[in-house]
Every structure is written in C-alpha cells, then in structure tokens.
PDB file of N, CA and C in Angstrom:
ATOM      1  N   MET A   1      15.520   5.615-108.528  1.00  0.00           N
ATOM      2  CA  MET A   1      14.311   5.256-109.216  1.00  0.00           C
ATOM      3  C   MET A   1      14.267   5.950-110.573  1.00  0.00           C
ATOM      4  N   GLU A   2      14.137   5.214-111.604  1.00  0.00           N
ATOM      5  CA  GLU A   2      14.110   5.814-112.933  1.00  0.00           C
ATOM      6  C   GLU A   2      12.836   6.642-113.104  1.00  0.00           C
ATOM      7  N   GLY A   3      12.995   7.859-113.597  1.00  0.00           N
ATOM      8  CA  GLY A   3      11.848   8.712-113.855  1.00  0.00           C
ATOM      9  C   GLY A   3      11.317   9.444-112.641  1.00  0.00           C
ATOM     10  N   TYR A   4      11.869   9.193-111.467  1.00  0.00           N
ATOM     11  CA  TYR A   4      11.397   9.854-110.255  1.00  0.00           C
ATOM     12  C   TYR A   4      11.949  11.268-110.180  1.00  0.00           C
ATOM     13  N   SER A   5      11.103  12.201-109.741  1.00  0.00           N
ATOM     14  CA  SER A   5      11.567  13.576-109.566  1.00  0.00           C
ATOM     15  C   SER A   5      10.710  14.265-108.505  1.00  0.00           C
ATOM     16  N   ASP A   6      11.382  14.903-107.548  1.00  0.00           N
ATOM     17  CA  ASP A   6      10.705  15.764-106.572  1.00  0.00           C
ATOM     18  C   ASP A   6      10.438  17.100-107.241  1.00  0.00           C
ATOM     19  N   GLU A   7       9.395  17.765-106.804  1.00  0.00           N
ATOM     20  CA  GLU A   7       9.197  19.139-107.259  1.00  0.00           C
ATOM     21  C   GLU A   7      10.292  20.000-106.642  1.00  0.00           C
ATOM     22  N   ARG A   8      10.751  20.956-107.414  1.00  0.00           N
ATOM     23  CA  ARG A   8      11.747  21.892-106.890  1.00  0.00           C
ATOM     24  C   ARG A   8      11.131  22.689-105.751  1.00  0.00           C
ATOM     25  N   LEU A   9      11.916  23.011-104.766  1.00  0.00           N
ATOM     26  CA  LEU A   9      11.463  23.883-103.686  1.00  0.00           C
ATOM     27  C   LEU A   9      11.461  25.319-104.199  1.00  0.00           C
ATOM     28  N   PRO A  10      10.641  26.190-103.610  1.00  0.00           N
ATOM     29  CA  PRO A  10      10.513  27.556-104.124  1.00  0.00           C
ATOM     30  C   PRO A  10      11.591  28.516-103.613  1.00  0.00           C
ATOM     31  N   TYR A  11      12.834  28.075-103.614  1.00  0.00           N
ATOM     32  CA  TYR A  11      13.938  28.896-103.117  1.00  0.00           C
ATOM     33  C   TYR A  11      15.043  28.954-104.172  1.00  0.00           C
ATOM     34  N   PRO A  12      15.804  30.017-104.138  1.00  0.00           N
ATOM     35  CA  PRO A  12      16.943  30.081-105.072  1.00  0.00           C
ATOM     36  C   PRO A  12      17.999  29.045-104.674  1.00  0.00           C
ATOM     37  N   THR A  13      18.867  28.741-105.602  1.00  0.00           N
ATOM     38  CA  THR A  13      19.966  27.812-105.331  1.00  0.00           C
ATOM     39  C   THR A  13      21.280  28.436-105.749  1.00  0.00           C
ATOM     40  N   HIS A  14      22.348  27.855-105.242  1.00  0.00           N
ATOM     41  CA  HIS A  14      23.682  28.200-105.723  1.00  0.00           C
ATOM     42  C   HIS A  14      24.477  26.902-105.806  1.00  0.00           C
ATOM     43  N   PRO A  15      25.524  26.878-106.617  1.00  0.00           N
ATOM     44  CA  PRO A  15      26.312  25.651-106.757  1.00  0.00           C
ATOM     45  C   PRO A  15      27.076  25.331-105.468  1.00  0.00           C
ATOM     46  N   LEU A  16      27.128  24.060-105.147  1.00  0.00           N
ATOM     47  CA  LEU A  16      27.912  23.573-104.015  1.00  0.00           C
ATOM     48  C   LEU A  16      28.860  22.520-104.565  1.00  0.00           C
ATOM     49  N   GLN A  17      30.140  22.779-104.460  1.00  0.00           N
ATOM     50  CA  GLN A  17      31.145  21.820-104.921  1.00  0.00           C
ATOM     51  C   GLN A  17      31.299  20.717-103.884  1.00  0.00           C
ATOM     52  N   THR A  18      31.198  19.482-104.339  1.00  0.00           N
ATOM     53  CA  THR A  18      31.351  18.336-103.449  1.00  0.00           C
ATOM     54  C   THR A  18      32.455  17.440-103.987  1.00  0.00           C
ATOM     55  N   SER A  19      32.808  16.443-103.204  1.00  0.00           N
ATOM     56  CA  SER A  19      33.829  15.503-103.666  1.00  0.00           C
ATOM     57  C   SER A  19      33.360  14.736-104.907  1.00  0.00           C
ATOM     58  N   GLY A  20      32.038  14.674-105.117  1.00  0.00           N
ATOM     59  CA  GLY A  20      31.499  13.967-106.280  1.00  0.00           C
ATOM     60  C   GLY A  20      31.073  14.877-107.416  1.00  0.00           C
ATOM     61  N   GLY A  21      31.379  16.173-107.317  1.00  0.00           N
ATOM     62  CA  GLY A  21      30.980  17.128-108.348  1.00  0.00           C
ATOM     63  C   GLY A  21      30.050  18.186-107.782  1.00  0.00           C
ATOM     64  N   ALA A  22      29.569  19.054-108.639  1.00  0.00           N
ATOM     65  CA  ALA A  22      28.719  20.159-108.197  1.00  0.00           C
ATOM     66  C   ALA A  22      27.257  19.715-108.087  1.00  0.00           C
ATOM     67  N   VAL A  23      26.589  20.214-107.042  1.00  0.00           N
ATOM     68  CA  VAL A  23      25.146  20.054-106.855  1.00  0.00           C
ATOM     69  C   VAL A  23      24.576  21.434-106.578  1.00  0.00           C
ATOM     70  N   GLU A  24      23.253  21.547-106.537  1.00  0.00           N
ATOM     71  CA  GLU A  24      22.617  22.810-106.191  1.00  0.00           C
ATOM     72  C   GLU A  24      22.274  22.803-104.703  1.00  0.00           C
ATOM     73  N   GLU A  25      22.600  23.881-104.006  1.00  0.00           N
ATOM     74  CA  GLU A  25      22.203  24.032-102.606  1.00  0.00           C
ATOM     75  C   GLU A  25      21.128  25.108-102.533  1.00  0.00           C
ATOM     76  N   TYR A  26      20.012  24.769-101.898  1.00  0.00           N
ATOM     77  CA  TYR A  26      18.943  25.747-101.717  1.00  0.00           C
ATOM     78  C   TYR A  26      19.356  26.794-100.678  1.00  0.00           C
ATOM     79  N   VAL A  27      18.944  28.029-100.909  1.00  0.00           N
ATOM     80  CA  VAL A  27      19.127  29.116 -99.949  1.00  0.00           C
ATOM     81  C   VAL A  27      17.762  29.323 -99.299  1.00  0.00           C
ATOM     82  N   ILE A  28      17.611  28.787 -98.092  1.00  0.00           N
ATOM     83  CA  ILE A  28      16.324  28.788 -97.395  1.00  0.00           C
ATOM     84  C   ILE A  28      16.346  29.868 -96.318  1.00  0.00           C
ATOM     85  N   PRO A  29      15.385  30.801 -96.349  1.00  0.00           N
ATOM     86  CA  PRO A  29      15.339  31.854 -95.332  1.00  0.00           C
ATOM     87  C   PRO A  29      15.210  31.266 -93.921  1.00  0.00           C
ATOM     88  N   ALA A  30      15.836  31.915 -92.957  1.00  0.00           N
ATOM     89  CA  ALA A  30      15.847  31.433 -91.569  1.00  0.00           C
ATOM     90  C   ALA A  30      14.441  31.144 -91.054  1.00  0.00           C
ATOM     91  N   GLY A  31      13.484  31.988 -91.366  1.00  0.00           N
ATOM     92  CA  GLY A  31      12.128  31.821 -90.877  1.00  0.00           C
ATOM     93  C   GLY A  31      11.376  30.649 -91.491  1.00  0.00           C
ATOM     94  N   GLU A  32      11.923  30.021 -92.525  1.00  0.00           N
ATOM     95  CA  GLU A  32      11.256  28.899 -93.196  1.00  0.00           C
ATOM     96  C   GLU A  32      12.008  27.580 -93.033  1.00  0.00           C
ATOM     97  N   ARG A  33      13.150  27.629 -92.376  1.00  0.00           N
ATOM     98  CA  ARG A  33      13.984  26.433 -92.264  1.00  0.00           C
ATOM     99  C   ARG A  33      13.299  25.300 -91.482  1.00  0.00           C
ATOM    100  N   GLU A  34      12.607  25.649 -90.408  1.00  0.00           N
ATOM    101  CA  GLU A  34      11.956  24.590 -89.623  1.00  0.00           C
ATOM    102  C   GLU A  34      10.858  23.901 -90.436  1.00  0.00           C
ATOM    103  N   THR A  35      10.082  24.661 -91.178  1.00  0.00           N
ATOM    104  CA  THR A  35       9.020  24.089 -92.013  1.00  0.00           C
ATOM    105  C   THR A  35       9.614  23.149 -93.061  1.00  0.00           C
ATOM    106  N   VAL A  36      10.669  23.587 -93.727  1.00  0.00           N
ATOM    107  CA  VAL A  36      11.321  22.758 -94.745  1.00  0.00           C
ATOM    108  C   VAL A  36      11.908  21.500 -94.107  1.00  0.00           C
ATOM    109  N   PHE A  37      12.539  21.673 -92.955  1.00  0.00           N
ATOM    110  CA  PHE A  37      13.136  20.529 -92.257  1.00  0.00           C
ATOM    111  C   PHE A  37      12.070  19.488 -91.920  1.00  0.00           C
ATOM    112  N   ARG A  38      10.968  19.926 -91.348  1.00  0.00           N
ATOM    113  CA  ARG A  38       9.885  19.003 -90.970  1.00  0.00           C
ATOM    114  C   ARG A  38       9.279  18.321 -92.202  1.00  0.00           C
ATOM    115  N   MET A  39       9.230  19.024 -93.308  1.00  0.00           N
ATOM    116  CA  MET A  39       8.679  18.468 -94.536  1.00  0.00           C
ATOM    117  C   MET A  39       9.602  17.371 -95.100  1.00  0.00           C
ATOM    118  N   LEU A  40      10.909  17.549 -94.993  1.00  0.00           N
ATOM    119  CA  LEU A  40      11.853  16.620 -95.621  1.00  0.00           C
ATOM    120  C   LEU A  40      12.381  15.528 -94.684  1.00  0.00           C
ATOM    121  N   TYR A  41      12.292  15.727 -93.365  1.00  0.00           N
ATOM    122  CA  TYR A  41      12.862  14.741 -92.431  1.00  0.00           C
ATOM    123  C   TYR A  41      12.045  13.448 -92.504  1.00  0.00           C
ATOM    124  N   PRO A  42      12.675  12.310 -92.845  1.00  0.00           N
ATOM    125  CA  PRO A  42      11.901  11.095 -93.137  1.00  0.00           C
ATOM    126  C   PRO A  42      11.634  10.157 -91.959  1.00  0.00           C
ATOM    127  N   PHE A  43      12.097  10.498 -90.755  1.00  0.00           N
ATOM    128  CA  PHE A  43      11.985   9.576 -89.627  1.00  0.00           C
ATOM    129  C   PHE A  43      11.173  10.184 -88.492  1.00  0.00           C
ATOM    130  N   LEU A  44      10.745   9.330 -87.557  1.00  0.00           N
ATOM    131  CA  LEU A  44      10.083   9.775 -86.331  1.00  0.00           C
ATOM    132  C   LEU A  44      10.892   9.271 -85.156  1.00  0.00           C
ATOM    133  N   PRO A  45      11.030  10.023 -84.124  1.00  0.00           N
ATOM    134  CA  PRO A  45      10.537  11.383 -83.961  1.00  0.00           C
ATOM    135  C   PRO A  45      11.406  12.383 -84.726  1.00  0.00           C
ATOM    136  N   VAL A  46      10.808  13.503 -85.063  1.00  0.00           N
ATOM    137  CA  VAL A  46      11.539  14.572 -85.749  1.00  0.00           C
ATOM    138  C   VAL A  46      12.296  15.372 -84.697  1.00  0.00           C
ATOM    139  N   PRO A  47      13.609  15.507 -84.843  1.00  0.00           N
ATOM    140  CA  PRO A  47      14.358  16.264 -83.841  1.00  0.00           C
ATOM    141  C   PRO A  47      14.072  17.761 -83.917  1.00  0.00           C
ATOM    142  N   SER A  48      14.372  18.428 -82.842  1.00  0.00           N
ATOM    143  CA  SER A  48      14.288  19.887 -82.790  1.00  0.00           C
ATOM    144  C   SER A  48      15.469  20.467 -83.562  1.00  0.00           C
ATOM    145  N   LEU A  49      15.308  21.673 -84.063  1.00  0.00           N
ATOM    146  CA  LEU A  49      16.430  22.345 -84.731  1.00  0.00           C
ATOM    147  C   LEU A  49      17.578  22.597 -83.773  1.00  0.00           C
ATOM    148  N   ASP A  50      17.299  22.597 -82.475  1.00  0.00           N
ATOM    149  CA  ASP A  50      18.346  22.824 -81.471  1.00  0.00           C
ATOM    150  C   ASP A  50      19.048  21.548 -81.037  1.00  0.00           C
ATOM    151  N   ASP A  51      18.578  20.386 -81.494  1.00  0.00           N
ATOM    152  CA  ASP A  51      19.207  19.116 -81.129  1.00  0.00           C
ATOM    153  C   ASP A  51      20.562  18.979 -81.803  1.00  0.00           C
ATOM    154  N   GLU A  52      21.382  18.147 -81.199  1.00  0.00           N
ATOM    155  CA  GLU A  52      22.681  17.830 -81.782  1.00  0.00           C
ATOM    156  C   GLU A  52      22.593  16.439 -82.390  1.00  0.00           C
ATOM    157  N   MET A  53      23.186  16.281 -83.568  1.00  0.00           N
ATOM    158  CA  MET A  53      23.266  14.978 -84.230  1.00  0.00           C
ATOM    159  C   MET A  53      24.728  14.721 -84.591  1.00  0.00           C
ATOM    160  N   LEU A  54      25.013  13.492 -84.937  1.00  0.00           N
ATOM    161  CA  LEU A  54      26.360  13.096 -85.328  1.00  0.00           C
ATOM    162  C   LEU A  54      26.329  12.681 -86.792  1.00  0.00           C
ATOM    163  N   ASP A  55      27.185  13.265 -87.604  1.00  0.00           N
ATOM    164  CA  ASP A  55      27.348  12.841 -88.988  1.00  0.00           C
ATOM    165  C   ASP A  55      28.332  11.672 -88.941  1.00  0.00           C
ATOM    166  N   ILE A  56      27.844  10.463 -89.236  1.00  0.00           N
ATOM    167  CA  ILE A  56      28.698   9.283 -89.066  1.00  0.00           C
ATOM    168  C   ILE A  56      29.809   9.195 -90.104  1.00  0.00           C
ATOM    169  N   HIS A  57      29.690   9.908 -91.224  1.00  0.00           N
ATOM    170  CA  HIS A  57      30.790   9.916 -92.195  1.00  0.00           C
ATOM    171  C   HIS A  57      31.961  10.748 -91.680  1.00  0.00           C
ATOM    172  N   GLU A  58      31.654  11.826 -91.002  1.00  0.00           N
ATOM    173  CA  GLU A  58      32.689  12.715 -90.483  1.00  0.00           C
ATOM    174  C   GLU A  58      33.039  12.416 -89.031  1.00  0.00           C
ATOM    175  N   ASP A  59      32.161  11.674 -88.342  1.00  0.00           N
ATOM    176  CA  ASP A  59      32.288  11.443 -86.905  1.00  0.00           C
ATOM    177  C   ASP A  59      32.379  12.786 -86.170  1.00  0.00           C
ATOM    178  N   LEU A  60      31.535  13.722 -86.616  1.00  0.00           N
ATOM    179  CA  LEU A  60      31.490  15.054 -86.029  1.00  0.00           C
ATOM    180  C   LEU A  60      30.057  15.419 -85.678  1.00  0.00           C
ATOM    181  N   PRO A  61      29.879  16.083 -84.528  1.00  0.00           N
ATOM    182  CA  PRO A  61      28.537  16.543 -84.169  1.00  0.00           C
ATOM    183  C   PRO A  61      28.200  17.843 -84.886  1.00  0.00           C
ATOM    184  N   PHE A  62      26.906  18.093 -85.022  1.00  0.00           N
ATOM    185  CA  PHE A  62      26.439  19.367 -85.557  1.00  0.00           C
ATOM    186  C   PHE A  62      25.062  19.656 -84.977  1.00  0.00           C
ATOM    187  N   THR A  63      24.691  20.925 -84.986  1.00  0.00           N
ATOM    188  CA  THR A  63      23.361  21.325 -84.551  1.00  0.00           C
ATOM    189  C   THR A  63      22.430  21.183 -85.750  1.00  0.00           C
ATOM    190  N   VAL A  64      21.270  20.559 -85.539  1.00  0.00           N
ATOM    191  CA  VAL A  64      20.342  20.260 -86.630  1.00  0.00           C
ATOM    192  C   VAL A  64      20.036  21.504 -87.469  1.00  0.00           C
ATOM    193  N   ARG A  65      19.933  22.668 -86.844  1.00  0.00           N
ATOM    194  CA  ARG A  65      19.578  23.882 -87.598  1.00  0.00           C
ATOM    195  C   ARG A  65      20.603  24.232 -88.679  1.00  0.00           C
ATOM    196  N   ASP A  66      21.769  23.598 -88.641  1.00  0.00           N
ATOM    197  CA  ASP A  66      22.806  23.846 -89.647  1.00  0.00           C
ATOM    198  C   ASP A  66      22.676  22.941 -90.869  1.00  0.00           C
ATOM    199  N   PHE A  67      21.557  22.195 -90.967  1.00  0.00           N
ATOM    200  CA  PHE A  67      21.339  21.302 -92.109  1.00  0.00           C
ATOM    201  C   PHE A  67      21.393  22.085 -93.424  1.00  0.00           C
ATOM    202  N   LYS A  68      21.586  21.343 -94.491  1.00  0.00           N
ATOM    203  CA  LYS A  68      21.520  21.900 -95.848  1.00  0.00           C
ATOM    204  C   LYS A  68      20.478  21.097 -96.621  1.00  0.00           C
ATOM    205  N   VAL A  69      19.918  21.716 -97.642  1.00  0.00           N
ATOM    206  CA  VAL A  69      19.049  20.998 -98.576  1.00  0.00           C
ATOM    207  C   VAL A  69      19.659  21.194 -99.950  1.00  0.00           C
ATOM    208  N   ILE A  70      19.916  20.072-100.611  1.00  0.00           N
ATOM    209  CA  ILE A  70      20.496  20.137-101.949  1.00  0.00           C
ATOM    210  C   ILE A  70      19.508  19.559-102.953  1.00  0.00           C
ATOM    211  N   ARG A  71      19.755  19.880-104.207  1.00  0.00           N
ATOM    212  CA  ARG A  71      18.997  19.295-105.314  1.00  0.00           C
ATOM    213  C   ARG A  71      20.006  18.605-106.208  1.00  0.00           C
ATOM    214  N   ASP A  72      19.761  17.302-106.427  1.00  0.00           N
ATOM    215  CA  ASP A  72      20.654  16.518-107.269  1.00  0.00           C
ATOM    216  C   ASP A  72      19.852  15.343-107.830  1.00  0.00           C
ATOM    217  N   CYS A  73      20.074  15.015-109.069  1.00  0.00           N
ATOM    218  CA  CYS A  73      19.413  13.876-109.725  1.00  0.00           C
ATOM    219  C   CYS A  73      17.890  13.975-109.635  1.00  0.00           C
ATOM    220  N   GLY A  74      17.342  15.192-109.711  1.00  0.00           N
ATOM    221  CA  GLY A  74      15.896  15.371-109.686  1.00  0.00           C
ATOM    222  C   GLY A  74      15.263  15.241-108.317  1.00  0.00           C
ATOM    223  N   MET A  75      16.085  15.222-107.253  1.00  0.00           N
ATOM    224  CA  MET A  75      15.556  15.056-105.894  1.00  0.00           C
ATOM    225  C   MET A  75      16.056  16.163-104.977  1.00  0.00           C
ATOM    226  N   ASN A  76      15.223  16.484-103.984  1.00  0.00           N
ATOM    227  CA  ASN A  76      15.612  17.375-102.897  1.00  0.00           C
ATOM    228  C   ASN A  76      16.110  16.481-101.770  1.00  0.00           C
ATOM    229  N   MET A  77      17.303  16.780-101.251  1.00  0.00           N
ATOM    230  CA  MET A  77      17.881  15.923-100.223  1.00  0.00           C
ATOM    231  C   MET A  77      18.303  16.741 -99.018  1.00  0.00           C
ATOM    232  N   LEU A  78      17.937  16.230 -97.848  1.00  0.00           N
ATOM    233  CA  LEU A  78      18.340  16.806 -96.579  1.00  0.00           C
ATOM    234  C   LEU A  78      19.712  16.234 -96.247  1.00  0.00           C
ATOM    235  N   VAL A  79      20.690  17.125 -96.038  1.00  0.00           N
ATOM    236  CA  VAL A  79      22.064  16.669 -95.828  1.00  0.00           C
ATOM    237  C   VAL A  79      22.703  17.399 -94.653  1.00  0.00           C
ATOM    238  N   SER A  80      23.792  16.851 -94.179  1.00  0.00           N
ATOM    239  CA  SER A  80      24.505  17.464 -93.057  1.00  0.00           C
ATOM    240  C   SER A  80      25.320  18.658 -93.545  1.00  0.00           C
ATOM    241  N   PRO A  81      25.756  19.502 -92.622  1.00  0.00           N
ATOM    242  CA  PRO A  81      26.601  20.634 -93.015  1.00  0.00           C
ATOM    243  C   PRO A  81      27.947  20.184 -93.597  1.00  0.00           C
ATOM    244  N   PHE A  82      28.295  18.910 -93.415  1.00  0.00           N
ATOM    245  CA  PHE A  82      29.568  18.376 -93.916  1.00  0.00           C
ATOM    246  C   PHE A  82      29.410  17.656 -95.255  1.00  0.00           C
ATOM    247  N   PHE A  83      28.238  17.748 -95.867  1.00  0.00           N
ATOM    248  CA  PHE A  83      27.940  17.005 -97.088  1.00  0.00           C
ATOM    249  C   PHE A  83      28.989  17.201 -98.178  1.00  0.00           C
ATOM    250  N   ALA A  84      29.460  18.408 -98.366  1.00  0.00           N
ATOM    251  CA  ALA A  84      30.402  18.686 -99.456  1.00  0.00           C
ATOM    252  C   ALA A  84      31.682  17.855 -99.321  1.00  0.00           C
ATOM    253  N   ARG A  85      32.090  17.560 -98.084  1.00  0.00           N
ATOM    254  CA  ARG A  85      33.325  16.793 -97.871  1.00  0.00           C
ATOM    255  C   ARG A  85      33.116  15.292 -97.974  1.00  0.00           C
ATOM    256  N   SER A  86      32.004  14.818 -97.383  1.00  0.00           N
ATOM    257  CA  SER A  86      31.893  13.365 -97.248  1.00  0.00           C
ATOM    258  C   SER A  86      30.556  12.768 -97.649  1.00  0.00           C
ATOM    259  N   GLY A  87      29.609  13.584 -98.072  1.00  0.00           N
ATOM    260  CA  GLY A  87      28.363  13.060 -98.613  1.00  0.00           C
ATOM    261  C   GLY A  87      27.326  12.602 -97.610  1.00  0.00           C
ATOM    262  N   GLY A  88      27.394  13.065 -96.363  1.00  0.00           N
ATOM    263  CA  GLY A  88      26.442  12.630 -95.344  1.00  0.00           C
ATOM    264  C   GLY A  88      25.036  13.174 -95.558  1.00  0.00           C
ATOM    265  N   THR A  89      24.096  12.270 -95.852  1.00  0.00           N
ATOM    266  CA  THR A  89      22.691  12.657 -95.980  1.00  0.00           C
ATOM    267  C   THR A  89      21.986  12.362 -94.653  1.00  0.00           C
ATOM    268  N   VAL A  90      20.706  12.664 -94.588  1.00  0.00           N
ATOM    269  CA  VAL A  90      19.951  12.505 -93.350  1.00  0.00           C
ATOM    270  C   VAL A  90      20.001  11.069 -92.820  1.00  0.00           C
ATOM    271  N   ILE A  91      20.168  10.094 -93.668  1.00  0.00           N
ATOM    272  CA  ILE A  91      20.248   8.706 -93.202  1.00  0.00           C
ATOM    273  C   ILE A  91      21.545   8.446 -92.421  1.00  0.00           C
ATOM    274  N   ASP A  92      22.499   9.344 -92.555  1.00  0.00           N
ATOM    275  CA  ASP A  92      23.790   9.220 -91.868  1.00  0.00           C
ATOM    276  C   ASP A  92      23.872  10.059 -90.597  1.00  0.00           C
ATOM    277  N   TRP A  93      22.735  10.545 -90.117  1.00  0.00           N
ATOM    278  CA  TRP A  93      22.702  11.325 -88.878  1.00  0.00           C
ATOM    279  C   TRP A  93      22.260  10.415 -87.741  1.00  0.00           C
ATOM    280  N   TRP A  94      23.014  10.404 -86.683  1.00  0.00           N
ATOM    281  CA  TRP A  94      22.652   9.617 -85.510  1.00  0.00           C
ATOM    282  C   TRP A  94      22.678  10.521 -84.291  1.00  0.00           C
ATOM    283  N   PRO A  95      21.828  10.231 -83.304  1.00  0.00           N
ATOM    284  CA  PRO A  95      21.969  10.953 -82.036  1.00  0.00           C
ATOM    285  C   PRO A  95      23.353  10.640 -81.462  1.00  0.00           C
ATOM    286  N   PRO A  96      24.023  11.613 -80.868  1.00  0.00           N
ATOM    287  CA  PRO A  96      25.397  11.395 -80.398  1.00  0.00           C
ATOM    288  C   PRO A  96      25.542  10.273 -79.382  1.00  0.00           C
ATOM    289  N   ASP A  97      24.497   9.942 -78.640  1.00  0.00           N
ATOM    290  CA  ASP A  97      24.598   8.907 -77.615  1.00  0.00           C
ATOM    291  C   ASP A  97      24.186   7.522 -78.107  1.00  0.00           C
ATOM    292  N   SER A  98      24.031   7.329 -79.416  1.00  0.00           N
ATOM    293  CA  SER A  98      23.569   6.042 -79.925  1.00  0.00           C
ATOM    294  C   SER A  98      24.669   5.225 -80.585  1.00  0.00           C
ATOM    295  N   CYS A  99      25.904   5.505 -80.259  1.00  0.00           N
ATOM    296  CA  CYS A  99      27.017   4.774 -80.876  1.00  0.00           C
ATOM    297  C   CYS A  99      26.994   3.315 -80.459  1.00  0.00           C
ATOM    298  N   VAL A 100      27.287   2.447 -81.392  1.00  0.00           N
ATOM    299  CA  VAL A 100      27.411   1.019 -81.118  1.00  0.00           C
ATOM    300  C   VAL A 100      28.891   0.721 -81.005  1.00  0.00           C
ATOM    301  N   GLU A 101      29.262   0.082 -79.903  1.00  0.00           N
ATOM    302  CA  GLU A 101      30.666  -0.280 -79.724  1.00  0.00           C
ATOM    303  C   GLU A 101      30.805  -1.756 -80.044  1.00  0.00           C
ATOM    304  N   PHE A 102      31.791  -2.080 -80.848  1.00  0.00           N
ATOM    305  CA  PHE A 102      32.021  -3.460 -81.233  1.00  0.00           C
ATOM    306  C   PHE A 102      33.114  -4.063 -80.368  1.00  0.00           C
ATOM    307  N   ASP A 103      32.940  -5.329 -80.049  1.00  0.00           N
ATOM    308  CA  ASP A 103      33.919  -6.062 -79.256  1.00  0.00           C
ATOM    309  C   ASP A 103      35.089  -6.407 -80.174  1.00  0.00           C
ATOM    310  N   GLU A 104      36.277  -5.992 -79.791  1.00  0.00           N
ATOM    311  CA  GLU A 104      37.477  -6.207 -80.611  1.00  0.00           C
ATOM    312  C   GLU A 104      37.762  -7.698 -80.841  1.00  0.00           C
ATOM    313  N   ASP A 105      37.274  -8.587 -79.938  1.00  0.00           N
ATOM    314  CA  ASP A 105      37.576 -10.010 -80.046  1.00  0.00           C
ATOM    315  C   ASP A 105      36.649 -10.746 -81.002  1.00  0.00           C
ATOM    316  N   LEU A 106      35.546 -10.121 -81.400  1.00  0.00           N
ATOM    317  CA  LEU A 106      34.594 -10.781 -82.293  1.00  0.00           C
ATOM    318  C   LEU A 106      34.971 -10.544 -83.745  1.00  0.00           C
ATOM    319  N   PRO A 107      34.689 -11.517 -84.614  1.00  0.00           N
ATOM    320  CA  PRO A 107      34.896 -11.274 -86.051  1.00  0.00           C
ATOM    321  C   PRO A 107      34.030 -10.097 -86.496  1.00  0.00           C
ATOM    322  N   GLU A 108      34.479  -9.380 -87.499  1.00  0.00           N
ATOM    323  CA  GLU A 108      33.753  -8.210 -87.992  1.00  0.00           C
ATOM    324  C   GLU A 108      32.313  -8.577 -88.333  1.00  0.00           C
ATOM    325  N   GLY A 109      31.379  -7.739 -87.894  1.00  0.00           N
ATOM    326  CA  GLY A 109      29.975  -7.951 -88.200  1.00  0.00           C
ATOM    327  C   GLY A 109      29.205  -8.706 -87.126  1.00  0.00           C
ATOM    328  N   GLU A 110      29.899  -9.369 -86.186  1.00  0.00           N
ATOM    329  CA  GLU A 110      29.206 -10.079 -85.110  1.00  0.00           C
ATOM    330  C   GLU A 110      29.153  -9.195 -83.880  1.00  0.00           C
ATOM    331  N   MET A 111      28.001  -9.254 -83.178  1.00  0.00           N
ATOM    332  CA  MET A 111      27.834  -8.437 -81.982  1.00  0.00           C
ATOM    333  C   MET A 111      27.608  -9.332 -80.789  1.00  0.00           C
ATOM    334  N   ASP A 112      27.949  -8.823 -79.587  1.00  0.00           N
ATOM    335  CA  ASP A 112      27.625  -9.536 -78.360  1.00  0.00           C
ATOM    336  C   ASP A 112      26.114  -9.648 -78.245  1.00  0.00           C
ATOM    337  N   GLU A 113      25.638 -10.673 -77.539  1.00  0.00           N
ATOM    338  CA  GLU A 113      24.203 -10.838 -77.322  1.00  0.00           C
ATOM    339  C   GLU A 113      23.608  -9.623 -76.634  1.00  0.00           C
ATOM    340  N   GLU A 114      24.374  -8.971 -75.741  1.00  0.00           N
ATOM    341  CA  GLU A 114      23.900  -7.787 -75.036  1.00  0.00           C
ATOM    342  C   GLU A 114      23.572  -6.660 -75.997  1.00  0.00           C
ATOM    343  N   GLU A 115      24.271  -6.573 -77.118  1.00  0.00           N
ATOM    344  CA  GLU A 115      24.124  -5.458 -78.050  1.00  0.00           C
ATOM    345  C   GLU A 115      22.991  -5.686 -79.034  1.00  0.00           C
ATOM    346  N   GLU A 116      22.496  -6.929 -79.156  1.00  0.00           N
ATOM    347  CA  GLU A 116      21.444  -7.213 -80.144  1.00  0.00           C
ATOM    348  C   GLU A 116      20.099  -6.715 -79.696  1.00  0.00           C
TER     349      GLU A 116
END
C-alpha cells in the first residue's frame, strides 16, 4: 500500500540479513513477547506461544514462542524463525496437522471432492 506505515514498536532493533537483503529485527524482552504476539497475530484463534506451527516455505516445525518481528518497508511483520532463509511470514504458518495431500493422478490444482 503506497504511503502505509505502521508505528515503530518501542524496542531496539538489529540488522537481520535475509536472502532478499537486510531488514531490522526487533529485540523483544521475554516478558513482553506474548503481548506483542497477540497484538500482531492477524488470525483467529490466536495460538499459544507453546503451540507448534509449520513454516510451509521450509517445511519445518517451530514453537510459536520462537517467532521474530521484523521491520521492513514501513511495516512491522510477524515472521517465522526461518524468515532469514526463506521469507516465511505469519501467513505461511500452518498447524502441523493441516497438510493437504494432493492426488498424484489429478492435474495440478485439482482436488478430490473429499478434499474440497
């Protein structure tokens, strides 16, 4: 969005090198991480910090409490601990048991009626 900007969070940052260049990573004190997480998590229900999620870019599980918050392009973004390697943001987190399996015999993009 042109002209859009989140207010900066009140925490220090340090550079985080990513595959797409450097961004700022917030250093959030342990006692404030849950509050920040609840403020930035855009979906319902909000998972517990002890829940496990799957970063679909890495196909790796992680514990929610290991999230990172970065600042880039005027926005604060909730990202996975693997963000620096593959760019997984909160939209790329899935519960580990929610994988969709595709039928090898169907053309790409088509699903069985059972899966719809």
